[in-house]
Amino acid sequence: MSAALSLCPHLALGRHRRARADRPGAGIIPPGSHGDKPDRYLLGITRAYRTRFIPEHGFTVYLPAPFKTVRAYAYGLEGQLHPATDTR
């Protein structure tokens, strides 16, 4: 469940570069979103979810069931993601 925290460069590295907008497959930032990254992430673990397609924007959203467990992660000084030890 937590594999994305180390395998996805956008999550794993605090200062990962985004793909150029003119690059094929660079994707889009959905309306209402922004490209800024938080300094920490919460990983909510659930056993079920629903999906909903938003036709006017052309993408699918995932709606999780209540979380069974929540884990906090923050970027260290070296820019790597680690389990958070403080409760901010």
PDB file of N, CA and C in Angstrom:
ATOM      1  N   MET A   1       0.805  -1.193   0.000  1.00  0.00           N
ATOM      2  CA  MET A   1       0.000   0.000   0.000  1.00  0.00           C
ATOM      3  C   MET A   1       0.851   1.261   0.000  1.00  0.00           C
ATOM      4  N   SER A   2       2.003   1.202   0.604  1.00  0.00           N
ATOM      5  CA  SER A   2       2.839   2.398   0.690  1.00  0.00           C
ATOM      6  C   SER A   2       3.932   2.413  -0.379  1.00  0.00           C
ATOM      7  N   ALA A   3       3.857   1.526  -1.368  1.00  0.00           N
ATOM      8  CA  ALA A   3       4.895   1.455  -2.400  1.00  0.00           C
ATOM      9  C   ALA A   3       5.048   2.775  -3.152  1.00  0.00           C
ATOM     10  N   ALA A   4       3.967   3.492  -3.380  1.00  0.00           N
ATOM     11  CA  ALA A   4       4.042   4.760  -4.122  1.00  0.00           C
ATOM     12  C   ALA A   4       4.928   5.775  -3.424  1.00  0.00           C
ATOM     13  N   LEU A   5       5.051   5.673  -2.109  1.00  0.00           N
ATOM     14  CA  LEU A   5       5.874   6.634  -1.368  1.00  0.00           C
ATOM     15  C   LEU A   5       7.342   6.532  -1.741  1.00  0.00           C
ATOM     16  N   SER A   6       7.787   5.368  -2.211  1.00  0.00           N
ATOM     17  CA  SER A   6       9.183   5.235  -2.628  1.00  0.00           C
ATOM     18  C   SER A   6       9.325   5.080  -4.142  1.00  0.00           C
ATOM     19  N   LEU A   7       8.306   4.567  -4.828  1.00  0.00           N
ATOM     20  CA  LEU A   7       8.417   4.323  -6.262  1.00  0.00           C
ATOM     21  C   LEU A   7       8.039   5.518  -7.129  1.00  0.00           C
ATOM     22  N   CYS A   8       7.144   6.356  -6.674  1.00  0.00           N
ATOM     23  CA  CYS A   8       6.714   7.520  -7.459  1.00  0.00           C
ATOM     24  C   CYS A   8       7.676   8.681  -7.208  1.00  0.00           C
ATOM     25  N   PRO A   9       8.436   9.112  -8.228  1.00  0.00           N
ATOM     26  CA  PRO A   9       9.403  10.195  -8.006  1.00  0.00           C
ATOM     27  C   PRO A   9       8.761  11.485  -7.513  1.00  0.00           C
ATOM     28  N   HIS A  10       7.536  11.773  -7.953  1.00  0.00           N
ATOM     29  CA  HIS A  10       6.875  13.013  -7.517  1.00  0.00           C
ATOM     30  C   HIS A  10       6.644  13.008  -6.009  1.00  0.00           C
ATOM     31  N   LEU A  11       6.317  11.854  -5.434  1.00  0.00           N
ATOM     32  CA  LEU A  11       6.120  11.761  -3.986  1.00  0.00           C
ATOM     33  C   LEU A  11       7.440  11.571  -3.245  1.00  0.00           C
ATOM     34  N   ALA A  12       8.284  10.674  -3.750  1.00  0.00           N
ATOM     35  CA  ALA A  12       9.492  10.281  -3.020  1.00  0.00           C
ATOM     36  C   ALA A  12      10.506  11.411  -2.879  1.00  0.00           C
ATOM     37  N   LEU A  13      10.591  12.291  -3.866  1.00  0.00           N
ATOM     38  CA  LEU A  13      11.592  13.359  -3.853  1.00  0.00           C
ATOM     39  C   LEU A  13      10.925  14.711  -3.626  1.00  0.00           C
ATOM     40  N   GLY A  14      11.404  15.425  -2.644  1.00  0.00           N
ATOM     41  CA  GLY A  14      10.816  16.714  -2.305  1.00  0.00           C
ATOM     42  C   GLY A  14      10.925  17.751  -3.400  1.00  0.00           C
ATOM     43  N   ARG A  15      11.969  17.677  -4.214  1.00  0.00           N
ATOM     44  CA  ARG A  15      12.166  18.682  -5.260  1.00  0.00           C
ATOM     45  C   ARG A  15      12.206  18.042  -6.650  1.00  0.00           C
ATOM     46  N   HIS A  16      11.325  17.095  -6.884  1.00  0.00           N
ATOM     47  CA  HIS A  16      11.255  16.431  -8.191  1.00  0.00           C
ATOM     48  C   HIS A  16      10.708  17.395  -9.234  1.00  0.00           C
ATOM     49  N   ARG A  17      11.336  17.417 -10.417  1.00  0.00           N
ATOM     50  CA  ARG A  17      10.881  18.303 -11.495  1.00  0.00           C
ATOM     51  C   ARG A  17       9.623  17.737 -12.147  1.00  0.00           C
ATOM     52  N   ARG A  18       8.711  18.600 -12.502  1.00  0.00           N
ATOM     53  CA  ARG A  18       7.527  18.193 -13.260  1.00  0.00           C
ATOM     54  C   ARG A  18       7.900  18.098 -14.735  1.00  0.00           C
ATOM     55  N   ALA A  19       7.167  17.265 -15.474  1.00  0.00           N
ATOM     56  CA  ALA A  19       7.388  17.146 -16.913  1.00  0.00           C
ATOM     57  C   ALA A  19       7.027  18.464 -17.597  1.00  0.00           C
ATOM     58  N   ARG A  20       7.766  18.796 -18.656  1.00  0.00           N
ATOM     59  CA  ARG A  20       7.445  19.995 -19.428  1.00  0.00           C
ATOM     60  C   ARG A  20       6.034  19.868 -20.000  1.00  0.00           C
ATOM     61  N   ALA A  21       5.321  20.956 -20.071  1.00  0.00           N
ATOM     62  CA  ALA A  21       3.940  20.945 -20.559  1.00  0.00           C
ATOM     63  C   ALA A  21       3.857  20.516 -22.024  1.00  0.00           C
ATOM     64  N   ASP A  22       4.929  20.771 -22.818  1.00  0.00           N
ATOM     65  CA  ASP A  22       4.892  20.421 -24.240  1.00  0.00           C
ATOM     66  C   ASP A  22       5.296  18.970 -24.501  1.00  0.00           C
ATOM     67  N   ARG A  23       5.684  18.243 -23.463  1.00  0.00           N
ATOM     68  CA  ARG A  23       6.112  16.852 -23.616  1.00  0.00           C
ATOM     69  C   ARG A  23       4.888  15.945 -23.767  1.00  0.00           C
ATOM     70  N   PRO A  24       4.876  15.047 -24.768  1.00  0.00           N
ATOM     71  CA  PRO A  24       3.747  14.122 -24.905  1.00  0.00           C
ATOM     72  C   PRO A  24       3.585  13.285 -23.637  1.00  0.00           C
ATOM     73  N   GLY A  25       2.379  13.139 -23.186  1.00  0.00           N
ATOM     74  CA  GLY A  25       2.114  12.346 -21.991  1.00  0.00           C
ATOM     75  C   GLY A  25       2.407  13.075 -20.698  1.00  0.00           C
ATOM     76  N   ALA A  26       2.636  14.379 -20.762  1.00  0.00           N
ATOM     77  CA  ALA A  26       2.946  15.126 -19.545  1.00  0.00           C
ATOM     78  C   ALA A  26       1.743  15.227 -18.627  1.00  0.00           C
ATOM     79  N   GLY A  27       0.552  14.976 -19.156  1.00  0.00           N
ATOM     80  CA  GLY A  27      -0.654  15.027 -18.339  1.00  0.00           C
ATOM     81  C   GLY A  27      -1.156  16.447 -18.159  1.00  0.00           C
ATOM     82  N   ILE A  28      -2.218  16.554 -17.392  1.00  0.00           N
ATOM     83  CA  ILE A  28      -2.797  17.861 -17.107  1.00  0.00           C
ATOM     84  C   ILE A  28      -2.986  17.995 -15.606  1.00  0.00           C
ATOM     85  N   ILE A  29      -3.066  19.211 -15.157  1.00  0.00           N
ATOM     86  CA  ILE A  29      -3.417  19.467 -13.763  1.00  0.00           C
ATOM     87  C   ILE A  29      -4.915  19.740 -13.759  1.00  0.00           C
ATOM     88  N   PRO A  30      -5.706  18.904 -13.068  1.00  0.00           N
ATOM     89  CA  PRO A  30      -7.163  19.074 -13.090  1.00  0.00           C
ATOM     90  C   PRO A  30      -7.591  20.448 -12.581  1.00  0.00           C
ATOM     91  N   PRO A  31      -8.724  20.946 -13.073  1.00  0.00           N
ATOM     92  CA  PRO A  31      -9.238  22.230 -12.595  1.00  0.00           C
ATOM     93  C   PRO A  31      -9.381  22.229 -11.075  1.00  0.00           C
ATOM     94  N   GLY A  32      -8.995  23.323 -10.445  1.00  0.00           N
ATOM     95  CA  GLY A  32      -9.073  23.415  -8.992  1.00  0.00           C
ATOM     96  C   GLY A  32      -7.825  22.922  -8.289  1.00  0.00           C
ATOM     97  N   SER A  33      -6.898  22.299  -9.025  1.00  0.00           N
ATOM     98  CA  SER A  33      -5.649  21.815  -8.442  1.00  0.00           C
ATOM     99  C   SER A  33      -4.539  22.817  -8.725  1.00  0.00           C
ATOM    100  N   HIS A  34      -3.384  22.582  -8.137  1.00  0.00           N
ATOM    101  CA  HIS A  34      -2.217  23.413  -8.406  1.00  0.00           C
ATOM    102  C   HIS A  34      -0.994  22.510  -8.396  1.00  0.00           C
ATOM    103  N   GLY A  35       0.120  22.991  -8.876  1.00  0.00           N
ATOM    104  CA  GLY A  35       1.324  22.189  -8.970  1.00  0.00           C
ATOM    105  C   GLY A  35       2.195  22.194  -7.735  1.00  0.00           C
ATOM    106  N   ASP A  36       1.827  22.953  -6.714  1.00  0.00           N
ATOM    107  CA  ASP A  36       2.643  23.027  -5.502  1.00  0.00           C
ATOM    108  C   ASP A  36       2.547  21.727  -4.708  1.00  0.00           C
ATOM    109  N   LYS A  37       3.644  21.369  -4.032  1.00  0.00           N
ATOM    110  CA  LYS A  37       3.662  20.159  -3.212  1.00  0.00           C
ATOM    111  C   LYS A  37       3.636  20.536  -1.738  1.00  0.00           C
ATOM    112  N   PRO A  38       2.933  19.759  -0.928  1.00  0.00           N
ATOM    113  CA  PRO A  38       2.962  20.005   0.513  1.00  0.00           C
ATOM    114  C   PRO A  38       4.288  19.526   1.100  1.00  0.00           C
ATOM    115  N   ASP A  39       4.598  19.930   2.314  1.00  0.00           N
ATOM    116  CA  ASP A  39       5.834  19.464   2.956  1.00  0.00           C
ATOM    117  C   ASP A  39       5.629  18.128   3.654  1.00  0.00           C
ATOM    118  N   ARG A  40       4.394  17.646   3.690  1.00  0.00           N
ATOM    119  CA  ARG A  40       4.093  16.346   4.292  1.00  0.00           C
ATOM    120  C   ARG A  40       2.869  15.749   3.612  1.00  0.00           C
ATOM    121  N   TYR A  41       2.730  14.432   3.754  1.00  0.00           N
ATOM    122  CA  TYR A  41       1.586  13.709   3.197  1.00  0.00           C
ATOM    123  C   TYR A  41       0.977  12.836   4.275  1.00  0.00           C
ATOM    124  N   LEU A  42      -0.322  12.614   4.164  1.00  0.00           N
ATOM    125  CA  LEU A  42      -1.011  11.630   4.986  1.00  0.00           C
ATOM    126  C   LEU A  42      -1.433  10.502   4.065  1.00  0.00           C
ATOM    127  N   LEU A  43      -1.098   9.276   4.447  1.00  0.00           N
ATOM    128  CA  LEU A  43      -1.486   8.101   3.682  1.00  0.00           C
ATOM    129  C   LEU A  43      -2.638   7.443   4.425  1.00  0.00           C
ATOM    130  N   GLY A  44      -3.826   7.507   3.851  1.00  0.00           N
ATOM    131  CA  GLY A  44      -4.998   6.887   4.454  1.00  0.00           C
ATOM    132  C   GLY A  44      -5.216   5.521   3.836  1.00  0.00           C
ATOM    133  N   ILE A  45      -5.269   4.499   4.665  1.00  0.00           N
ATOM    134  CA  ILE A  45      -5.426   3.130   4.186  1.00  0.00           C
ATOM    135  C   ILE A  45      -6.879   2.711   4.382  1.00  0.00           C
ATOM    136  N   THR A  46      -7.493   2.275   3.288  1.00  0.00           N
ATOM    137  CA  THR A  46      -8.890   1.860   3.303  1.00  0.00           C
ATOM    138  C   THR A  46      -9.028   0.544   2.551  1.00  0.00           C
ATOM    139  N   ARG A  47     -10.120  -0.130   2.756  1.00  0.00           N
ATOM    140  CA  ARG A  47     -10.359  -1.408   2.082  1.00  0.00           C
ATOM    141  C   ARG A  47     -11.292  -1.274   0.882  1.00  0.00           C
ATOM    142  N   ALA A  48     -11.878  -0.109   0.681  1.00  0.00           N
ATOM    143  CA  ALA A  48     -12.831   0.046  -0.418  1.00  0.00           C
ATOM    144  C   ALA A  48     -12.827   1.492  -0.918  1.00  0.00           C
ATOM    145  N   TYR A  49     -13.293   1.666  -2.136  1.00  0.00           N
ATOM    146  CA  TYR A  49     -13.440   3.003  -2.704  1.00  0.00           C
ATOM    147  C   TYR A  49     -14.468   2.947  -3.835  1.00  0.00           C
ATOM    148  N   ARG A  50     -14.960   4.096  -4.214  1.00  0.00           N
ATOM    149  CA  ARG A  50     -15.841   4.246  -5.370  1.00  0.00           C
ATOM    150  C   ARG A  50     -15.137   5.159  -6.359  1.00  0.00           C
ATOM    151  N   THR A  51     -15.497   5.038  -7.616  1.00  0.00           N
ATOM    152  CA  THR A  51     -14.969   5.951  -8.626  1.00  0.00           C
ATOM    153  C   THR A  51     -16.122   6.737  -9.227  1.00  0.00           C
ATOM    154  N   ARG A  52     -15.807   7.927  -9.662  1.00  0.00           N
ATOM    155  CA  ARG A  52     -16.802   8.757 -10.333  1.00  0.00           C
ATOM    156  C   ARG A  52     -16.103   9.467 -11.488  1.00  0.00           C
ATOM    157  N   PHE A  53     -16.644   9.282 -12.695  1.00  0.00           N
ATOM    158  CA  PHE A  53     -16.101   9.952 -13.876  1.00  0.00           C
ATOM    159  C   PHE A  53     -16.717  11.340 -13.970  1.00  0.00           C
ATOM    160  N   ILE A  54     -15.882  12.348 -14.168  1.00  0.00           N
ATOM    161  CA  ILE A  54     -16.331  13.732 -14.308  1.00  0.00           C
ATOM    162  C   ILE A  54     -16.234  14.088 -15.795  1.00  0.00           C
ATOM    163  N   PRO A  55     -17.319  13.908 -16.563  1.00  0.00           N
ATOM    164  CA  PRO A  55     -17.226  14.060 -18.021  1.00  0.00           C
ATOM    165  C   PRO A  55     -16.843  15.464 -18.482  1.00  0.00           C
ATOM    166  N   GLU A  56     -17.283  16.494 -17.768  1.00  0.00           N
ATOM    167  CA  GLU A  56     -16.959  17.852 -18.229  1.00  0.00           C
ATOM    168  C   GLU A  56     -15.473  18.168 -18.119  1.00  0.00           C
ATOM    169  N   HIS A  57     -14.740  17.427 -17.283  1.00  0.00           N
ATOM    170  CA  HIS A  57     -13.296  17.634 -17.161  1.00  0.00           C
ATOM    171  C   HIS A  57     -12.498  16.467 -17.736  1.00  0.00           C
ATOM    172  N   GLY A  58     -13.171  15.350 -18.028  1.00  0.00           N
ATOM    173  CA  GLY A  58     -12.512  14.214 -18.667  1.00  0.00           C
ATOM    174  C   GLY A  58     -11.606  13.402 -17.768  1.00  0.00           C
ATOM    175  N   PHE A  59     -11.877  13.344 -16.460  1.00  0.00           N
ATOM    176  CA  PHE A  59     -11.060  12.505 -15.590  1.00  0.00           C
ATOM    177  C   PHE A  59     -11.921  11.837 -14.526  1.00  0.00           C
ATOM    178  N   THR A  60     -11.330  10.846 -13.875  1.00  0.00           N
ATOM    179  CA  THR A  60     -12.010  10.062 -12.850  1.00  0.00           C
ATOM    180  C   THR A  60     -11.490  10.448 -11.476  1.00  0.00           C
ATOM    181  N   VAL A  61     -12.370  10.552 -10.503  1.00  0.00           N
ATOM    182  CA  VAL A  61     -11.960  10.786  -9.118  1.00  0.00           C
ATOM    183  C   VAL A  61     -12.221   9.511  -8.319  1.00  0.00           C
ATOM    184  N   TYR A  62     -11.397   9.276  -7.326  1.00  0.00           N
ATOM    185  CA  TYR A  62     -11.522   8.121  -6.444  1.00  0.00           C
ATOM    186  C   TYR A  62     -12.026   8.606  -5.094  1.00  0.00           C
ATOM    187  N   LEU A  63     -13.089   8.006  -4.618  1.00  0.00           N
ATOM    188  CA  LEU A  63     -13.725   8.401  -3.363  1.00  0.00           C
ATOM    189  C   LEU A  63     -13.543   7.267  -2.363  1.00  0.00           C
ATOM    190  N   PRO A  64     -12.629   7.420  -1.401  1.00  0.00           N
ATOM    191  CA  PRO A  64     -12.330   6.316  -0.483  1.00  0.00           C
ATOM    192  C   PRO A  64     -13.404   6.133   0.580  1.00  0.00           C
ATOM    193  N   ALA A  65     -13.506   4.893   1.058  1.00  0.00           N
ATOM    194  CA  ALA A  65     -14.310   4.595   2.244  1.00  0.00           C
ATOM    195  C   ALA A  65     -13.547   5.141   3.452  1.00  0.00           C
ATOM    196  N   PRO A  66     -14.158   5.165   4.634  1.00  0.00           N
ATOM    197  CA  PRO A  66     -13.424   5.638   5.821  1.00  0.00           C
ATOM    198  C   PRO A  66     -12.096   4.881   5.991  1.00  0.00           C
ATOM    199  N   PHE A  67     -11.068   5.623   6.399  1.00  0.00           N
ATOM    200  CA  PHE A  67      -9.740   5.033   6.554  1.00  0.00           C
ATOM    201  C   PHE A  67      -9.680   4.105   7.760  1.00  0.00           C
ATOM    202  N   LYS A  68      -8.968   2.991   7.593  1.00  0.00           N
ATOM    203  CA  LYS A  68      -8.692   2.069   8.699  1.00  0.00           C
ATOM    204  C   LYS A  68      -7.468   2.534   9.478  1.00  0.00           C
ATOM    205  N   THR A  69      -6.499   3.101   8.752  1.00  0.00           N
ATOM    206  CA  THR A  69      -5.240   3.564   9.337  1.00  0.00           C
ATOM    207  C   THR A  69      -4.812   4.829   8.606  1.00  0.00           C
ATOM    208  N   VAL A  70      -4.184   5.754   9.321  1.00  0.00           N
ATOM    209  CA  VAL A  70      -3.621   6.958   8.703  1.00  0.00           C
ATOM    210  C   VAL A  70      -2.167   7.069   9.145  1.00  0.00           C
ATOM    211  N   ARG A  71      -1.267   7.235   8.170  1.00  0.00           N
ATOM    212  CA  ARG A  71       0.160   7.385   8.464  1.00  0.00           C
ATOM    213  C   ARG A  71       0.637   8.714   7.900  1.00  0.00           C
ATOM    214  N   ALA A  72       1.488   9.404   8.647  1.00  0.00           N
ATOM    215  CA  ALA A  72       2.019  10.705   8.229  1.00  0.00           C
ATOM    216  C   ALA A  72       3.457  10.546   7.741  1.00  0.00           C
ATOM    217  N   TYR A  73       3.795  11.282   6.682  1.00  0.00           N
ATOM    218  CA  TYR A  73       5.140  11.287   6.115  1.00  0.00           C
ATOM    219  C   TYR A  73       5.545  12.730   5.852  1.00  0.00           C
ATOM    220  N   ALA A  74       6.834  13.020   6.037  1.00  0.00           N
ATOM    221  CA  ALA A  74       7.359  14.368   5.802  1.00  0.00           C
ATOM    222  C   ALA A  74       8.713  14.254   5.106  1.00  0.00           C
ATOM    223  N   TYR A  75       9.095  15.325   4.412  1.00  0.00           N
ATOM    224  CA  TYR A  75      10.394  15.363   3.742  1.00  0.00           C
ATOM    225  C   TYR A  75      11.477  15.746   4.737  1.00  0.00           C
ATOM    226  N   GLY A  76      12.595  14.999   4.709  1.00  0.00           N
ATOM    227  CA  GLY A  76      13.747  15.322   5.538  1.00  0.00           C
ATOM    228  C   GLY A  76      14.591  16.404   4.880  1.00  0.00           C
ATOM    229  N   LEU A  77      15.658  16.796   5.539  1.00  0.00           N
ATOM    230  CA  LEU A  77      16.544  17.843   5.012  1.00  0.00           C
ATOM    231  C   LEU A  77      17.161  17.459   3.673  1.00  0.00           C
ATOM    232  N   GLU A  78      17.334  16.156   3.433  1.00  0.00           N
ATOM    233  CA  GLU A  78      17.930  15.691   2.181  1.00  0.00           C
ATOM    234  C   GLU A  78      16.908  15.590   1.053  1.00  0.00           C
ATOM    235  N   GLY A  79      15.627  15.889   1.349  1.00  0.00           N
ATOM    236  CA  GLY A  79      14.587  15.869   0.327  1.00  0.00           C
ATOM    237  C   GLY A  79      13.899  14.534   0.141  1.00  0.00           C
ATOM    238  N   GLN A  80      14.183  13.562   0.999  1.00  0.00           N
ATOM    239  CA  GLN A  80      13.555  12.242   0.922  1.00  0.00           C
ATOM    240  C   GLN A  80      12.358  12.171   1.864  1.00  0.00           C
ATOM    241  N   LEU A  81      11.371  11.370   1.503  1.00  0.00           N
ATOM    242  CA  LEU A  81      10.169  11.208   2.313  1.00  0.00           C
ATOM    243  C   LEU A  81      10.408  10.163   3.402  1.00  0.00           C
ATOM    244  N   HIS A  82      10.056  10.499   4.651  1.00  0.00           N
ATOM    245  CA  HIS A  82      10.238   9.614   5.810  1.00  0.00           C
ATOM    246  C   HIS A  82       8.978   9.637   6.669  1.00  0.00           C
ATOM    247  N   PRO A  83       8.751   8.582   7.463  1.00  0.00           N
ATOM    248  CA  PRO A  83       7.632   8.648   8.412  1.00  0.00           C
ATOM    249  C   PRO A  83       7.799   9.864   9.320  1.00  0.00           C
ATOM    250  N   ALA A  84       6.719  10.609   9.519  1.00  0.00           N
ATOM    251  CA  ALA A  84       6.765  11.810  10.363  1.00  0.00           C
ATOM    252  C   ALA A  84       6.720  11.401  11.826  1.00  0.00           C
ATOM    253  N   THR A  85       7.528  12.063  12.629  1.00  0.00           N
ATOM    254  CA  THR A  85       7.562  11.744  14.056  1.00  0.00           C
ATOM    255  C   THR A  85       6.851  12.794  14.896  1.00  0.00           C
ATOM    256  N   ASP A  86       6.601  13.969  14.323  1.00  0.00           N
ATOM    257  CA  ASP A  86       5.895  15.006  15.083  1.00  0.00           C
ATOM    258  C   ASP A  86       4.403  14.967  14.736  1.00  0.00           C
ATOM    259  N   THR A  87       3.599  15.631  15.506  1.00  0.00           N
ATOM    260  CA  THR A  87       2.158  15.665  15.256  1.00  0.00           C
ATOM    261  C   THR A  87       1.709  17.104  15.089  1.00  0.00           C
ATOM    262  N   ARG A  88       2.077  17.690  13.978  1.00  0.00           N
ATOM    263  CA  ARG A  88       1.733  19.075  13.705  1.00  0.00           C
ATOM    264  C   ARG A  88       0.325  19.168  13.196  1.00  0.00           C
TER     265      ARG A  88
END
